[in-house]
């Protein structure tokens, strides 16, 4: 059931300690990777951001989140942004764990920002979403297996500048997944890939016991 999947997910996400140095870091952000159970396995909440000039995330598909306020920790920031952007009120008791901050090694050394993914379990799978029109165009739940599995992936070239005045752009051959009009790629897809690696079979129907060696309460060994 939903409670078993939640507990299995928490066991697959032990505390994440990031000891990296970020020599160019100027701003910190956090995103909430919100999960819920469904008949097809675990689903994740994604949204389309509004179009804005000079916004690096303009019109992109992402998890709820944003830059942290002064003195705010990543968990509180991710939960606050989720409430503000999609109207989903979550608490620290709903948090399953943290993934490693992005950009990943070695690109964190030249990045001027960091993004901390906070994995959260939606307390009610049927909770209604209330979108902030100034921030969000749309939102939907998508199968985590669809997004992290190989069957729906395509590759393309993308050129990245670590900072606006950086003299050279670095080419990346990236993956993307389409779900209708949602084009999921870049940082969002990398975060979900890392989550899929940690959860293993938990994202698939009936897969939690196989991937974690767990058993349901009362089940025989």
Protein backbone atom coordinates (compact mmCIF):
# COMPACT_ATOMS: atom_id res chain seq x y z
CA UNK A 1 0.00 0.00 0.00
CA UNK A 2 0.89 3.68 0.03
CA UNK A 3 2.38 3.55 3.54
CA UNK A 4 4.63 0.62 2.61
CA UNK A 5 5.88 2.40 -0.52
CA UNK A 6 6.59 5.51 1.53
CA UNK A 7 8.57 3.57 4.12
CA UNK A 8 10.47 1.68 1.41
CA UNK A 9 11.36 4.97 -0.26
CA UNK A 10 12.63 6.41 3.02
CA UNK A 11 14.89 3.38 3.55
CA UNK A 12 16.33 3.86 0.04
CA UNK A 13 17.22 7.50 0.80
CA UNK A 14 19.71 7.56 3.67
CA UNK A 15 21.13 10.97 4.73
CA UNK A 16 23.09 12.66 1.94
CA UNK A 17 26.28 14.45 3.02
CA UNK A 18 27.80 16.83 0.46
CA UNK A 19 31.39 17.75 1.36
CA UNK A 20 32.21 19.43 -1.97
CA UNK A 21 33.66 22.95 -2.18
CA UNK A 22 31.74 25.40 -4.38
CA UNK A 23 34.30 28.15 -5.14
CA UNK A 24 31.96 30.26 -7.35
CA UNK A 25 28.70 29.70 -5.43
CA UNK A 26 26.53 32.83 -5.12
CA UNK A 27 22.96 31.55 -4.68
CA UNK A 28 21.39 28.36 -3.35
CA UNK A 29 18.09 26.84 -4.44
CA UNK A 30 16.01 23.79 -3.52
CA UNK A 31 13.39 21.77 -5.36
CA UNK A 32 10.76 19.40 -3.98
CA UNK A 33 10.62 16.03 -5.75
CA UNK A 34 7.06 15.21 -4.70
CA UNK A 35 6.02 11.55 -5.05
CA UNK A 36 2.68 9.78 -4.77
CA UNK A 37 1.51 6.17 -5.27
CA UNK A 38 -0.57 5.05 -8.24
CA UNK A 39 -1.70 1.76 -9.78
CA UNK A 40 1.22 1.99 -12.21
CA UNK A 41 3.83 2.63 -9.52
CA UNK A 42 5.19 5.89 -8.13
CA UNK A 43 4.40 9.20 -9.84
CA UNK A 44 6.28 12.51 -9.55
CA UNK A 45 4.83 16.02 -9.70
CA UNK A 46 6.20 18.22 -12.48
CA UNK A 47 5.14 21.67 -13.65
CA UNK A 48 5.74 24.13 -16.48
CA UNK A 49 7.14 27.48 -15.43
CA UNK A 50 5.90 30.75 -16.92
CA UNK A 51 7.95 32.44 -19.67
CA UNK A 52 10.19 35.21 -18.36
CA UNK A 53 12.94 37.23 -20.00
CA UNK A 54 16.43 36.59 -18.60
CA UNK A 55 15.20 33.65 -16.52
CA UNK A 56 17.33 30.54 -17.00
CA UNK A 57 14.31 28.35 -16.10
CA UNK A 58 11.81 30.20 -18.34
CA UNK A 59 9.06 27.86 -19.70
CA UNK A 60 10.96 24.78 -18.56
CA UNK A 61 9.48 21.64 -17.02
CA UNK A 62 10.67 21.33 -13.43
CA UNK A 63 9.87 20.27 -9.90
CA UNK A 64 8.43 22.94 -7.59
CA UNK A 65 11.18 25.01 -6.02
CA UNK A 66 13.26 28.16 -6.13
CA UNK A 67 16.02 30.17 -4.52
CA UNK A 68 16.38 30.04 -0.75
CA UNK A 69 15.79 33.01 1.49
CA UNK A 70 18.57 34.22 3.75
CA UNK A 71 19.11 31.70 6.56
CA UNK A 72 16.58 29.22 5.12
CA UNK A 73 17.55 25.57 4.94
CA UNK A 74 16.85 23.52 1.76
CA UNK A 75 14.02 21.47 3.28
CA UNK A 76 12.08 24.51 4.49
CA UNK A 77 12.72 26.30 1.20
CA UNK A 78 11.52 23.39 -0.95
CA UNK A 79 8.37 22.95 1.15
CA UNK A 80 7.64 26.69 1.10
CA UNK A 81 8.05 26.94 -2.67
CA UNK A 82 5.79 23.92 -3.21
CA UNK A 83 3.03 25.58 -1.21
CA UNK A 84 3.47 28.89 -3.03
CA UNK A 85 3.70 27.48 -6.56
CA UNK A 86 1.23 24.57 -6.62
CA UNK A 87 -0.72 24.97 -3.37
CA UNK A 88 0.44 21.64 -1.94
CA UNK A 89 1.01 22.01 1.80
CA UNK A 90 3.71 19.61 2.96
CA UNK A 91 5.57 19.26 6.27
CA UNK A 92 9.00 18.10 7.34
CA UNK A 93 7.42 14.81 8.41
CA UNK A 94 6.63 14.13 4.73
CA UNK A 95 10.31 14.37 3.69
CA UNK A 96 11.90 11.05 2.65
CA UNK A 97 15.44 12.36 2.20
CA UNK A 98 17.82 14.53 0.17
CA UNK A 99 19.71 13.82 -3.03
CA UNK A 100 23.13 15.27 -3.87
CA UNK A 101 23.03 18.93 -4.85
CA UNK A 102 23.37 19.87 -8.53
CA UNK A 103 25.33 20.62 -10.68
CA UNK A 104 27.15 17.35 -10.21
CA UNK A 105 30.90 16.79 -10.08
CA UNK A 106 33.01 18.35 -11.55
CA UNK A 107 30.73 21.11 -12.84
CA UNK A 108 29.92 22.43 -9.37
CA UNK A 109 33.39 23.99 -9.35
CA UNK A 110 32.41 26.54 -12.03
CA UNK A 111 28.68 26.94 -11.23
CA UNK A 112 27.45 30.10 -9.50
CA UNK A 113 24.34 28.38 -8.07
CA UNK A 114 23.38 25.08 -6.46
CA UNK A 115 20.09 23.17 -6.45
CA UNK A 116 19.29 20.82 -3.54
CA UNK A 117 16.64 18.15 -4.37
CA UNK A 118 14.39 17.29 -1.42
CA UNK A 119 12.35 14.09 -1.90
CA UNK A 120 8.87 14.37 -0.38
CA UNK A 121 5.93 11.97 -0.10
CA UNK A 122 2.52 13.55 -0.78
CA UNK A 123 0.39 12.82 2.32
CA UNK A 124 -2.75 12.62 0.20
CA UNK A 125 -2.45 11.20 -3.33
CA UNK A 126 -5.67 12.96 -4.33
CA UNK A 127 -4.72 16.42 -3.01
CA UNK A 128 -5.90 19.22 -5.30
CA UNK A 129 -3.32 21.57 -6.80
CA UNK A 130 -3.76 25.35 -6.81
CA UNK A 131 -1.32 26.88 -9.29
CA UNK A 132 0.18 30.35 -8.84
CA UNK A 133 -0.50 31.99 -12.25
CA UNK A 134 2.51 34.29 -11.91
CA UNK A 135 4.82 31.26 -11.56
CA UNK A 136 3.24 28.16 -13.07
CA UNK A 137 1.42 27.47 -16.36
CA UNK A 138 0.42 23.86 -15.64
CA UNK A 139 1.27 20.85 -13.48
CA UNK A 140 0.80 17.10 -13.75
CA UNK A 141 1.74 13.78 -12.19
CA UNK A 142 3.94 11.55 -14.38
CA UNK A 143 5.12 7.96 -13.89
CA UNK A 144 8.64 7.91 -12.46
CA UNK A 145 9.35 4.68 -14.34
CA UNK A 146 8.43 6.36 -17.65
CA UNK A 147 10.78 9.25 -16.96
CA UNK A 148 13.74 7.20 -15.72
CA UNK A 149 13.43 4.11 -17.93
CA UNK A 150 15.22 3.79 -21.29
CA UNK A 151 12.18 3.20 -23.51
CA UNK A 152 11.08 6.83 -24.00
CA UNK A 153 14.44 8.61 -24.30
CA UNK A 154 15.86 10.67 -27.14
CA UNK A 155 19.26 12.40 -27.36
CA UNK A 156 20.19 15.92 -28.47
CA UNK A 157 23.11 18.35 -28.30
CA UNK A 158 23.01 21.27 -25.86
CA UNK A 159 25.64 23.95 -25.26
CA UNK A 160 26.17 25.15 -21.69
CA UNK A 161 27.88 28.28 -20.36
CA UNK A 162 28.64 27.96 -16.62
CA UNK A 163 28.23 31.75 -16.26
CA UNK A 164 26.82 34.44 -18.61
CA UNK A 165 30.27 35.87 -19.38
CA UNK A 166 32.04 32.53 -19.58
CA UNK A 167 34.16 32.62 -22.79
CA UNK A 168 33.45 29.08 -23.96
CA UNK A 169 30.34 26.91 -24.17
CA UNK A 170 30.60 23.22 -23.28
CA UNK A 171 28.69 20.71 -25.47
CA UNK A 172 26.60 18.00 -23.81
CA UNK A 173 24.81 15.09 -25.51
CA UNK A 174 21.72 15.00 -23.31
CA UNK A 175 18.68 12.79 -22.90
CA UNK A 176 15.10 14.03 -22.97
CA UNK A 177 11.70 12.42 -22.35
CA UNK A 178 8.40 13.68 -23.76
CA UNK A 179 5.10 13.22 -21.92
CA UNK A 180 2.58 14.91 -24.19
CA UNK A 181 3.64 18.57 -24.37
CA UNK A 182 6.06 18.18 -21.43
CA UNK A 183 9.69 18.04 -22.56
CA UNK A 184 11.69 16.79 -19.54
CA UNK A 185 15.47 17.19 -19.78
CA UNK A 186 18.46 18.89 -18.21
CA UNK A 187 18.67 19.32 -14.47
CA UNK A 188 15.15 18.00 -13.84
CA UNK A 189 15.79 14.73 -15.67
CA UNK A 190 19.20 14.30 -13.99
CA UNK A 191 17.60 14.71 -10.57
CA UNK A 192 14.96 12.12 -11.44
CA UNK A 193 17.61 9.75 -12.79
CA UNK A 194 19.51 9.95 -9.50
CA UNK A 195 16.28 9.34 -7.61
CA UNK A 196 15.49 6.34 -9.81
CA UNK A 197 18.94 4.89 -9.10
CA UNK A 198 18.39 5.25 -5.35
CA UNK A 199 14.86 3.84 -5.36
CA UNK A 200 15.54 1.00 -7.80
CA UNK A 201 12.44 -1.19 -8.14
CA UNK A 202 10.46 0.82 -5.59
CA UNK A 203 9.11 2.96 -8.43
CA UNK A 204 7.60 -0.10 -10.13
CA UNK A 205 4.40 -1.87 -9.04
CA UNK A 206 5.31 -4.50 -6.45
CA UNK A 207 9.02 -3.76 -6.79
CA UNK A 208 9.81 -2.45 -3.32
CA UNK A 209 10.32 -5.86 -1.73
CA UNK A 210 12.64 -7.03 -4.51
CA UNK A 211 14.83 -3.92 -4.61
CA UNK A 212 15.21 -3.34 -0.88
CA UNK A 213 14.97 -6.85 0.51
CA UNK A 214 12.02 -5.67 2.57
CA UNK A 215 8.89 -7.49 3.57
CA UNK A 216 5.42 -6.38 4.44
CA UNK A 217 4.42 -6.50 8.10
CA UNK A 218 3.20 -10.01 8.90
CA UNK A 219 4.57 -11.55 5.70
CA UNK A 220 6.44 -14.85 5.96
CA UNK A 221 10.10 -15.09 4.97
